[in-house]
Each structure stands twice: as C-alpha cells, then as structure tokens.
Amino acid sequence: MTVKFPCAICVKPYRKDQKAIACDLCDRWLHFKCIHMCLSTFNSLASSPKPYYCQNCITDHIPFSNLTKKEIQKLFNHVCNQKQNILTLPFDNNKDLL
C-alpha cells in the first residue's frame, strides 16, 4: 500500500489531524515534530504566505547554506582580498591609468 503523503523524515503518513508542513520547493510533507519546529513557528508559517523550504532543499539549492558563520566569514574575507588584488595588480601605482 502506497502512502499518499508520507513525512519525508519518518515516512509515516501525514493525517489531517496532525501538524505538518509541505516544502514549497520539493512538495514533500514533514511533521512539525519531525523537523523540531516549535509550535509558534508552525502557526506563523501556516497563517502566512511566506514559503517554507525543508532542510534538504536549503542544503541542495542554496549555495553555502551548510557553512558555519566562521566559514562564511573566512570565505568572504578571501573573496574581498582576491577582489582587491585583482583591482590593483594590473595598475602599478595607477601610472597605467593616465
């Protein structure tokens, strides 16, 4: 027997009397308890037009979403340093601009 709306985490069926939310990207249902969502967040999302994205979709589709704040800062600093080097390397003391 195929379950119509299985929870993407526990694979048990979603029933109308249970609190569950569908991911707006993959359309999979998740029990709010299975994703450790607090009731106030669930109620806020349920009464709002804001989209909800499951952790799998966030990790798979949003670049760098699995990095820690420290790793993001390190990457940001590296990119800023590279950008600065690219802008200054071709022009030795701006004499090539004249």
PDB file of N, CA and C in Angstrom:
ATOM      1  N   MET A   1       0.823  -1.183   0.000  1.00  0.00           N
ATOM      2  CA  MET A   1       0.000   0.000   0.000  1.00  0.00           C
ATOM      3  C   MET A   1       0.877   1.259   0.000  1.00  0.00           C
ATOM      4  N   THR A   2       0.642   2.162  -0.912  1.00  0.00           N
ATOM      5  CA  THR A   2       1.397   3.395  -1.017  1.00  0.00           C
ATOM      6  C   THR A   2       0.761   4.469  -0.147  1.00  0.00           C
ATOM      7  N   VAL A   3       1.574   5.141   0.645  1.00  0.00           N
ATOM      8  CA  VAL A   3       1.097   6.229   1.494  1.00  0.00           C
ATOM      9  C   VAL A   3       1.027   7.490   0.639  1.00  0.00           C
ATOM     10  N   LYS A   4      -0.106   8.181   0.677  1.00  0.00           N
ATOM     11  CA  LYS A   4      -0.314   9.336  -0.185  1.00  0.00           C
ATOM     12  C   LYS A   4       0.620  10.496   0.150  1.00  0.00           C
ATOM     13  N   PHE A   5       0.703  10.852   1.412  1.00  0.00           N
ATOM     14  CA  PHE A   5       1.567  11.956   1.820  1.00  0.00           C
ATOM     15  C   PHE A   5       2.478  11.519   2.967  1.00  0.00           C
ATOM     16  N   PRO A   6       3.546  10.765   2.682  1.00  0.00           N
ATOM     17  CA  PRO A   6       4.433  10.343   3.771  1.00  0.00           C
ATOM     18  C   PRO A   6       5.308  11.506   4.232  1.00  0.00           C
ATOM     19  N   CYS A   7       5.603  11.525   5.516  1.00  0.00           N
ATOM     20  CA  CYS A   7       6.544  12.507   6.049  1.00  0.00           C
ATOM     21  C   CYS A   7       7.920  12.185   5.470  1.00  0.00           C
ATOM     22  N   ALA A   8       8.622  13.194   5.014  1.00  0.00           N
ATOM     23  CA  ALA A   8       9.941  12.990   4.414  1.00  0.00           C
ATOM     24  C   ALA A   8      10.981  12.530   5.439  1.00  0.00           C
ATOM     25  N   ILE A   9      10.672  12.682   6.720  1.00  0.00           N
ATOM     26  CA  ILE A   9      11.617  12.278   7.763  1.00  0.00           C
ATOM     27  C   ILE A   9      11.296  10.874   8.299  1.00  0.00           C
ATOM     28  N   CYS A  10      10.101  10.691   8.839  1.00  0.00           N
ATOM     29  CA  CYS A  10       9.747   9.413   9.485  1.00  0.00           C
ATOM     30  C   CYS A  10       9.031   8.446   8.544  1.00  0.00           C
ATOM     31  N   VAL A  11       8.593   8.913   7.400  1.00  0.00           N
ATOM     32  CA  VAL A  11       7.921   8.151   6.361  1.00  0.00           C
ATOM     33  C   VAL A  11       6.522   7.674   6.788  1.00  0.00           C
ATOM     34  N   LYS A  12       6.060   8.114   7.941  1.00  0.00           N
ATOM     35  CA  LYS A  12       4.696   7.790   8.354  1.00  0.00           C
ATOM     36  C   LYS A  12       3.745   8.747   7.638  1.00  0.00           C
ATOM     37  N   PRO A  13       2.530   8.332   7.404  1.00  0.00           N
ATOM     38  CA  PRO A  13       1.601   9.191   6.670  1.00  0.00           C
ATOM     39  C   PRO A  13       1.244  10.464   7.434  1.00  0.00           C
ATOM     40  N   TYR A  14       1.038  11.503   6.677  1.00  0.00           N
ATOM     41  CA  TYR A  14       0.543  12.753   7.236  1.00  0.00           C
ATOM     42  C   TYR A  14      -0.976  12.651   7.268  1.00  0.00           C
ATOM     43  N   ARG A  15      -1.549  12.910   8.430  1.00  0.00           N
ATOM     44  CA  ARG A  15      -3.003  12.899   8.554  1.00  0.00           C
ATOM     45  C   ARG A  15      -3.491  14.315   8.794  1.00  0.00           C
ATOM     46  N   LYS A  16      -4.723  14.571   8.422  1.00  0.00           N
ATOM     47  CA  LYS A  16      -5.281  15.918   8.545  1.00  0.00           C
ATOM     48  C   LYS A  16      -5.334  16.416   9.979  1.00  0.00           C
ATOM     49  N   ASP A  17      -5.370  15.518  10.956  1.00  0.00           N
ATOM     50  CA  ASP A  17      -5.423  15.951  12.349  1.00  0.00           C
ATOM     51  C   ASP A  17      -4.027  16.190  12.936  1.00  0.00           C
ATOM     52  N   GLN A  18      -2.979  16.041  12.127  1.00  0.00           N
ATOM     53  CA  GLN A  18      -1.604  16.272  12.577  1.00  0.00           C
ATOM     54  C   GLN A  18      -1.079  17.584  12.008  1.00  0.00           C
ATOM     55  N   LYS A  19      -0.117  18.159  12.701  1.00  0.00           N
ATOM     56  CA  LYS A  19       0.515  19.375  12.222  1.00  0.00           C
ATOM     57  C   LYS A  19       1.678  18.974  11.319  1.00  0.00           C
ATOM     58  N   ALA A  20       1.590  19.365  10.065  1.00  0.00           N
ATOM     59  CA  ALA A  20       2.635  19.066   9.091  1.00  0.00           C
ATOM     60  C   ALA A  20       2.701  20.226   8.121  1.00  0.00           C
ATOM     61  N   ILE A  21       3.834  20.342   7.466  1.00  0.00           N
ATOM     62  CA  ILE A  21       4.042  21.438   6.524  1.00  0.00           C
ATOM     63  C   ILE A  21       4.685  20.875   5.266  1.00  0.00           C
ATOM     64  N   ALA A  22       4.300  21.429   4.132  1.00  0.00           N
ATOM     65  CA  ALA A  22       4.867  20.978   2.855  1.00  0.00           C
ATOM     66  C   ALA A  22       5.969  21.941   2.430  1.00  0.00           C
ATOM     67  N   CYS A  23       7.056  21.398   1.933  1.00  0.00           N
ATOM     68  CA  CYS A  23       8.141  22.211   1.393  1.00  0.00           C
ATOM     69  C   CYS A  23       7.658  22.828   0.085  1.00  0.00           C
ATOM     70  N   ASP A  24       7.845  24.116  -0.071  1.00  0.00           N
ATOM     71  CA  ASP A  24       7.402  24.803  -1.279  1.00  0.00           C
ATOM     72  C   ASP A  24       8.306  24.549  -2.482  1.00  0.00           C
ATOM     73  N   LEU A  25       9.406  23.863  -2.264  1.00  0.00           N
ATOM     74  CA  LEU A  25      10.288  23.552  -3.386  1.00  0.00           C
ATOM     75  C   LEU A  25      10.115  22.106  -3.853  1.00  0.00           C
ATOM     76  N   CYS A  26      10.146  21.156  -2.935  1.00  0.00           N
ATOM     77  CA  CYS A  26      10.060  19.742  -3.327  1.00  0.00           C
ATOM     78  C   CYS A  26       8.671  19.136  -3.110  1.00  0.00           C
ATOM     79  N   ASP A  27       7.779  19.867  -2.464  1.00  0.00           N
ATOM     80  CA  ASP A  27       6.407  19.424  -2.181  1.00  0.00           C
ATOM     81  C   ASP A  27       6.312  18.217  -1.252  1.00  0.00           C
ATOM     82  N   ARG A  28       7.370  17.895  -0.531  1.00  0.00           N
ATOM     83  CA  ARG A  28       7.309  16.808   0.440  1.00  0.00           C
ATOM     84  C   ARG A  28       6.726  17.337   1.748  1.00  0.00           C
ATOM     85  N   TRP A  29       5.937  16.515   2.411  1.00  0.00           N
ATOM     86  CA  TRP A  29       5.338  16.876   3.689  1.00  0.00           C
ATOM     87  C   TRP A  29       6.251  16.457   4.822  1.00  0.00           C
ATOM     88  N   LEU A  30       6.250  17.253   5.900  1.00  0.00           N
ATOM     89  CA  LEU A  30       7.054  16.960   7.079  1.00  0.00           C
ATOM     90  C   LEU A  30       6.229  17.250   8.322  1.00  0.00           C
ATOM     91  N   HIS A  31       6.192  16.281   9.253  1.00  0.00           N
ATOM     92  CA  HIS A  31       5.547  16.541  10.543  1.00  0.00           C
ATOM     93  C   HIS A  31       6.364  17.617  11.255  1.00  0.00           C
ATOM     94  N   PHE A  32       5.693  18.581  11.854  1.00  0.00           N
ATOM     95  CA  PHE A  32       6.444  19.651  12.507  1.00  0.00           C
ATOM     96  C   PHE A  32       7.298  19.112  13.654  1.00  0.00           C
ATOM     97  N   LYS A  33       6.881  18.024  14.290  1.00  0.00           N
ATOM     98  CA  LYS A  33       7.692  17.417  15.350  1.00  0.00           C
ATOM     99  C   LYS A  33       8.943  16.743  14.785  1.00  0.00           C
ATOM    100  N   CYS A  34       8.835  16.188  13.585  1.00  0.00           N
ATOM    101  CA  CYS A  34       9.988  15.506  12.970  1.00  0.00           C
ATOM    102  C   CYS A  34      11.100  16.485  12.586  1.00  0.00           C
ATOM    103  N   ILE A  35      10.730  17.726  12.310  1.00  0.00           N
ATOM    104  CA  ILE A  35      11.750  18.724  11.961  1.00  0.00           C
ATOM    105  C   ILE A  35      12.064  19.641  13.141  1.00  0.00           C
ATOM    106  N   HIS A  36      11.530  19.283  14.318  1.00  0.00           N
ATOM    107  CA  HIS A  36      11.794  20.016  15.559  1.00  0.00           C
ATOM    108  C   HIS A  36      11.419  21.494  15.451  1.00  0.00           C
ATOM    109  N   MET A  37      10.304  21.745  14.804  1.00  0.00           N
ATOM    110  CA  MET A  37       9.810  23.111  14.656  1.00  0.00           C
ATOM    111  C   MET A  37       8.929  23.426  15.869  1.00  0.00           C
ATOM    112  N   CYS A  38       9.112  24.610  16.427  1.00  0.00           N
ATOM    113  CA  CYS A  38       8.261  24.971  17.569  1.00  0.00           C
ATOM    114  C   CYS A  38       6.863  25.333  17.062  1.00  0.00           C
ATOM    115  N   LEU A  39       5.897  25.183  17.922  1.00  0.00           N
ATOM    116  CA  LEU A  39       4.506  25.391  17.554  1.00  0.00           C
ATOM    117  C   LEU A  39       4.245  26.824  17.085  1.00  0.00           C
ATOM    118  N   SER A  40       4.876  27.809  17.716  1.00  0.00           N
ATOM    119  CA  SER A  40       4.658  29.202  17.310  1.00  0.00           C
ATOM    120  C   SER A  40       5.179  29.453  15.890  1.00  0.00           C
ATOM    121  N   THR A  41       6.301  28.852  15.529  1.00  0.00           N
ATOM    122  CA  THR A  41       6.835  28.984  14.167  1.00  0.00           C
ATOM    123  C   THR A  41       5.895  28.300  13.177  1.00  0.00           C
ATOM    124  N   PHE A  42       5.426  27.110  13.533  1.00  0.00           N
ATOM    125  CA  PHE A  42       4.497  26.394  12.670  1.00  0.00           C
ATOM    126  C   PHE A  42       3.232  27.218  12.437  1.00  0.00           C
ATOM    127  N   ASN A  43       2.643  27.739  13.518  1.00  0.00           N
ATOM    128  CA  ASN A  43       1.423  28.536  13.396  1.00  0.00           C
ATOM    129  C   ASN A  43       1.657  29.801  12.576  1.00  0.00           C
ATOM    130  N   SER A  44       2.810  30.412  12.750  1.00  0.00           N
ATOM    131  CA  SER A  44       3.149  31.609  11.980  1.00  0.00           C
ATOM    132  C   SER A  44       3.247  31.296  10.487  1.00  0.00           C
ATOM    133  N   LEU A  45       3.918  30.209  10.152  1.00  0.00           N
ATOM    134  CA  LEU A  45       4.049  29.805   8.742  1.00  0.00           C
ATOM    135  C   LEU A  45       2.706  29.379   8.158  1.00  0.00           C
ATOM    136  N   ALA A  46       1.901  28.696   8.961  1.00  0.00           N
ATOM    137  CA  ALA A  46       0.601  28.202   8.482  1.00  0.00           C
ATOM    138  C   ALA A  46      -0.354  29.345   8.149  1.00  0.00           C
ATOM    139  N   SER A  47      -0.207  30.469   8.828  1.00  0.00           N
ATOM    140  CA  SER A  47      -1.109  31.602   8.596  1.00  0.00           C
ATOM    141  C   SER A  47      -0.465  32.699   7.755  1.00  0.00           C
ATOM    142  N   SER A  48       0.618  32.380   7.085  1.00  0.00           N
ATOM    143  CA  SER A  48       1.376  33.378   6.320  1.00  0.00           C
ATOM    144  C   SER A  48       1.573  32.913   4.880  1.00  0.00           C
ATOM    145  N   PRO A  49       1.723  33.862   3.956  1.00  0.00           N
ATOM    146  CA  PRO A  49       2.025  33.476   2.571  1.00  0.00           C
ATOM    147  C   PRO A  49       3.512  33.168   2.351  1.00  0.00           C
ATOM    148  N   LYS A  50       4.318  33.290   3.407  1.00  0.00           N
ATOM    149  CA  LYS A  50       5.758  33.035   3.282  1.00  0.00           C
ATOM    150  C   LYS A  50       5.998  31.575   2.897  1.00  0.00           C
ATOM    151  N   PRO A  51       6.952  31.342   2.005  1.00  0.00           N
ATOM    152  CA  PRO A  51       7.252  29.949   1.634  1.00  0.00           C
ATOM    153  C   PRO A  51       8.038  29.250   2.739  1.00  0.00           C
ATOM    154  N   TYR A  52       7.946  27.937   2.751  1.00  0.00           N
ATOM    155  CA  TYR A  52       8.734  27.116   3.663  1.00  0.00           C
ATOM    156  C   TYR A  52       9.589  26.184   2.819  1.00  0.00           C
ATOM    157  N   TYR A  53      10.879  26.082   3.156  1.00  0.00           N
ATOM    158  CA  TYR A  53      11.794  25.192   2.458  1.00  0.00           C
ATOM    159  C   TYR A  53      12.401  24.227   3.471  1.00  0.00           C
ATOM    160  N   CYS A  54      12.342  22.943   3.144  1.00  0.00           N
ATOM    161  CA  CYS A  54      12.897  21.932   4.044  1.00  0.00           C
ATOM    162  C   CYS A  54      14.430  22.010   4.040  1.00  0.00           C
ATOM    163  N   GLN A  55      15.037  21.407   5.059  1.00  0.00           N
ATOM    164  CA  GLN A  55      16.487  21.466   5.199  1.00  0.00           C
ATOM    165  C   GLN A  55      17.200  20.839   4.000  1.00  0.00           C
ATOM    166  N   ASN A  56      16.650  19.758   3.444  1.00  0.00           N
ATOM    167  CA  ASN A  56      17.278  19.134   2.266  1.00  0.00           C
ATOM    168  C   ASN A  56      17.320  20.103   1.094  1.00  0.00           C
ATOM    169  N   CYS A  57      16.230  20.805   0.839  1.00  0.00           N
ATOM    170  CA  CYS A  57      16.193  21.749  -0.276  1.00  0.00           C
ATOM    171  C   CYS A  57      17.102  22.937  -0.029  1.00  0.00           C
ATOM    172  N   ILE A  58      17.150  23.401   1.206  1.00  0.00           N
ATOM    173  CA  ILE A  58      18.051  24.518   1.529  1.00  0.00           C
ATOM    174  C   ILE A  58      19.489  24.103   1.260  1.00  0.00           C
ATOM    175  N   THR A  59      19.868  22.943   1.743  1.00  0.00           N
ATOM    176  CA  THR A  59      21.235  22.459   1.561  1.00  0.00           C
ATOM    177  C   THR A  59      21.551  22.201   0.086  1.00  0.00           C
ATOM    178  N   ASP A  60      20.598  21.649  -0.649  1.00  0.00           N
ATOM    179  CA  ASP A  60      20.834  21.297  -2.050  1.00  0.00           C
ATOM    180  C   ASP A  60      20.763  22.484  -3.009  1.00  0.00           C
ATOM    181  N   HIS A  61      19.970  23.503  -2.681  1.00  0.00           N
ATOM    182  CA  HIS A  61      19.695  24.552  -3.657  1.00  0.00           C
ATOM    183  C   HIS A  61      20.183  25.949  -3.292  1.00  0.00           C
ATOM    184  N   ILE A  62      20.592  26.164  -2.061  1.00  0.00           N
ATOM    185  CA  ILE A  62      21.069  27.482  -1.670  1.00  0.00           C
ATOM    186  C   ILE A  62      22.565  27.383  -1.424  1.00  0.00           C
ATOM    187  N   PRO A  63      23.352  28.082  -2.238  1.00  0.00           N
ATOM    188  CA  PRO A  63      24.810  27.982  -2.100  1.00  0.00           C
ATOM    189  C   PRO A  63      25.280  28.386  -0.702  1.00  0.00           C
ATOM    190  N   PHE A  64      26.207  27.639  -0.180  1.00  0.00           N
ATOM    191  CA  PHE A  64      26.875  27.919   1.086  1.00  0.00           C
ATOM    192  C   PHE A  64      25.972  27.801   2.307  1.00  0.00           C
ATOM    193  N   SER A  65      24.769  27.245   2.172  1.00  0.00           N
ATOM    194  CA  SER A  65      23.851  27.169   3.305  1.00  0.00           C
ATOM    195  C   SER A  65      24.335  26.222   4.395  1.00  0.00           C
ATOM    196  N   ASN A  66      25.263  25.336   4.075  1.00  0.00           N
ATOM    197  CA  ASN A  66      25.735  24.385   5.070  1.00  0.00           C
ATOM    198  C   ASN A  66      27.025  24.845   5.745  1.00  0.00           C
ATOM    199  N   LEU A  67      27.484  26.061   5.437  1.00  0.00           N
ATOM    200  CA  LEU A  67      28.696  26.581   6.056  1.00  0.00           C
ATOM    201  C   LEU A  67      28.380  27.221   7.399  1.00  0.00           C
ATOM    202  N   THR A  68      29.347  27.170   8.292  1.00  0.00           N
ATOM    203  CA  THR A  68      29.193  27.848   9.575  1.00  0.00           C
ATOM    204  C   THR A  68      29.455  29.341   9.383  1.00  0.00           C
ATOM    205  N   LYS A  69      29.097  30.144  10.366  1.00  0.00           N
ATOM    206  CA  LYS A  69      29.341  31.593  10.283  1.00  0.00           C
ATOM    207  C   LYS A  69      30.831  31.877  10.123  1.00  0.00           C
ATOM    208  N   LYS A  70      31.650  31.112  10.815  1.00  0.00           N
ATOM    209  CA  LYS A  70      33.106  31.295  10.735  1.00  0.00           C
ATOM    210  C   LYS A  70      33.607  30.981   9.319  1.00  0.00           C
ATOM    211  N   GLU A  71      33.092  29.907   8.728  1.00  0.00           N
ATOM    212  CA  GLU A  71      33.498  29.541   7.367  1.00  0.00           C
ATOM    213  C   GLU A  71      33.028  30.588   6.347  1.00  0.00           C
ATOM    214  N   ILE A  72      31.832  31.122   6.549  1.00  0.00           N
ATOM    215  CA  ILE A  72      31.319  32.166   5.651  1.00  0.00           C
ATOM    216  C   ILE A  72      32.183  33.414   5.761  1.00  0.00           C
ATOM    217  N   GLN A  73      32.544  33.800   6.979  1.00  0.00           N
ATOM    218  CA  GLN A  73      33.396  34.983   7.173  1.00  0.00           C
ATOM    219  C   GLN A  73      34.753  34.778   6.512  1.00  0.00           C
ATOM    220  N   LYS A  74      35.326  33.591   6.660  1.00  0.00           N
ATOM    221  CA  LYS A  74      36.617  33.277   6.044  1.00  0.00           C
ATOM    222  C   LYS A  74      36.517  33.367   4.514  1.00  0.00           C
ATOM    223  N   LEU A  75      35.445  32.807   3.964  1.00  0.00           N
ATOM    224  CA  LEU A  75      35.226  32.865   2.517  1.00  0.00           C
ATOM    225  C   LEU A  75      35.037  34.304   2.059  1.00  0.00           C
ATOM    226  N   PHE A  76      34.248  35.072   2.799  1.00  0.00           N
ATOM    227  CA  PHE A  76      34.016  36.481   2.468  1.00  0.00           C
ATOM    228  C   PHE A  76      35.332  37.254   2.473  1.00  0.00           C
ATOM    229  N   ASN A  77      36.143  37.062   3.499  1.00  0.00           N
ATOM    230  CA  ASN A  77      37.441  37.752   3.578  1.00  0.00           C
ATOM    231  C   ASN A  77      38.337  37.354   2.412  1.00  0.00           C
ATOM    232  N   HIS A  78      38.335  36.087   2.060  1.00  0.00           N
ATOM    233  CA  HIS A  78      39.149  35.615   0.939  1.00  0.00           C
ATOM    234  C   HIS A  78      38.697  36.268  -0.371  1.00  0.00           C
ATOM    235  N   VAL A  79      37.388  36.302  -0.598  1.00  0.00           N
ATOM    236  CA  VAL A  79      36.858  36.908  -1.824  1.00  0.00           C
ATOM    237  C   VAL A  79      37.186  38.390  -1.860  1.00  0.00           C
ATOM    238  N   CYS A  80      37.039  39.079  -0.741  1.00  0.00           N
ATOM    239  CA  CYS A  80      37.360  40.510  -0.693  1.00  0.00           C
ATOM    240  C   CYS A  80      38.834  40.750  -0.988  1.00  0.00           C
ATOM    241  N   ASN A  81      39.692  39.919  -0.423  1.00  0.00           N
ATOM    242  CA  ASN A  81      41.135  40.060  -0.682  1.00  0.00           C
ATOM    243  C   ASN A  81      41.458  39.783  -2.136  1.00  0.00           C
ATOM    244  N   GLN A  82      40.831  38.772  -2.723  1.00  0.00           N
ATOM    245  CA  GLN A  82      41.064  38.458  -4.129  1.00  0.00           C
ATOM    246  C   GLN A  82      40.581  39.586  -5.020  1.00  0.00           C
ATOM    247  N   LYS A  83      39.441  40.152  -4.695  1.00  0.00           N
ATOM    248  CA  LYS A  83      38.887  41.252  -5.473  1.00  0.00           C
ATOM    249  C   LYS A  83      39.825  42.453  -5.413  1.00  0.00           C
ATOM    250  N   GLN A  84      40.349  42.740  -4.248  1.00  0.00           N
ATOM    251  CA  GLN A  84      41.257  43.859  -4.078  1.00  0.00           C
ATOM    252  C   GLN A  84      42.538  43.617  -4.873  1.00  0.00           C
ATOM    253  N   ASN A  85      43.065  42.392  -4.840  1.00  0.00           N
ATOM    254  CA  ASN A  85      44.276  42.068  -5.597  1.00  0.00           C
ATOM    255  C   ASN A  85      44.041  42.182  -7.097  1.00  0.00           C
ATOM    256  N   ILE A  86      42.893  41.754  -7.560  1.00  0.00           N
ATOM    257  CA  ILE A  86      42.576  41.822  -8.989  1.00  0.00           C
ATOM    258  C   ILE A  86      42.505  43.274  -9.434  1.00  0.00           C
ATOM    259  N   LEU A  87      41.949  44.132  -8.601  1.00  0.00           N
ATOM    260  CA  LEU A  87      41.812  45.536  -8.964  1.00  0.00           C
ATOM    261  C   LEU A  87      43.135  46.284  -8.936  1.00  0.00           C
ATOM    262  N   THR A  88      44.078  45.867  -8.129  1.00  0.00           N
ATOM    263  CA  THR A  88      45.324  46.614  -8.003  1.00  0.00           C
ATOM    264  C   THR A  88      46.474  46.025  -8.811  1.00  0.00           C
ATOM    265  N   LEU A  89      46.432  44.742  -9.133  1.00  0.00           N
ATOM    266  CA  LEU A  89      47.542  44.130  -9.855  1.00  0.00           C
ATOM    267  C   LEU A  89      47.827  44.732 -11.230  1.00  0.00           C
ATOM    268  N   PRO A  90      46.842  44.944 -12.086  1.00  0.00           N
ATOM    269  CA  PRO A  90      47.167  45.436 -13.426  1.00  0.00           C
ATOM    270  C   PRO A  90      47.679  46.878 -13.457  1.00  0.00           C
ATOM    271  N   PHE A  91      47.431  47.613 -12.416  1.00  0.00           N
ATOM    272  CA  PHE A  91      47.799  49.024 -12.411  1.00  0.00           C
ATOM    273  C   PHE A  91      48.851  49.277 -11.345  1.00  0.00           C
ATOM    274  N   ASP A  92      50.083  49.444 -11.773  1.00  0.00           N
ATOM    275  CA  ASP A  92      51.181  49.673 -10.840  1.00  0.00           C
ATOM    276  C   ASP A  92      51.166  51.141 -10.426  1.00  0.00           C
ATOM    277  N   ASN A  93      50.692  51.401  -9.213  1.00  0.00           N
ATOM    278  CA  ASN A  93      50.578  52.760  -8.669  1.00  0.00           C
ATOM    279  C   ASN A  93      49.769  53.692  -9.563  1.00  0.00           C
ATOM    280  N   ASN A  94      48.824  53.175 -10.287  1.00  0.00           N
ATOM    281  CA  ASN A  94      47.893  53.925 -11.128  1.00  0.00           C
ATOM    282  C   ASN A  94      48.562  54.643 -12.308  1.00  0.00           C
ATOM    283  N   LYS A  95      49.849  54.388 -12.604  1.00  0.00           N
ATOM    284  CA  LYS A  95      50.503  55.060 -13.725  1.00  0.00           C
ATOM    285  C   LYS A  95      49.939  54.576 -15.068  1.00  0.00           C
ATOM    286  N   ASP A  96      49.360  53.352 -15.095  1.00  0.00           N
ATOM    287  CA  ASP A  96      48.781  52.861 -16.339  1.00  0.00           C
ATOM    288  C   ASP A  96      47.426  53.487 -16.626  1.00  0.00           C
ATOM    289  N   LEU A  97      46.841  54.157 -15.645  1.00  0.00           N
ATOM    290  CA  LEU A  97      45.538  54.784 -15.846  1.00  0.00           C
ATOM    291  C   LEU A  97      45.665  56.095 -16.625  1.00  0.00           C
ATOM    292  N   LEU A  98      46.810  56.709 -16.614  1.00  0.00           N
ATOM    293  CA  LEU A  98      46.984  58.017 -17.286  1.00  0.00           C
ATOM    294  C   LEU A  98      47.305  57.884 -18.750  1.00  0.00           C
TER     295      LEU A  98
END
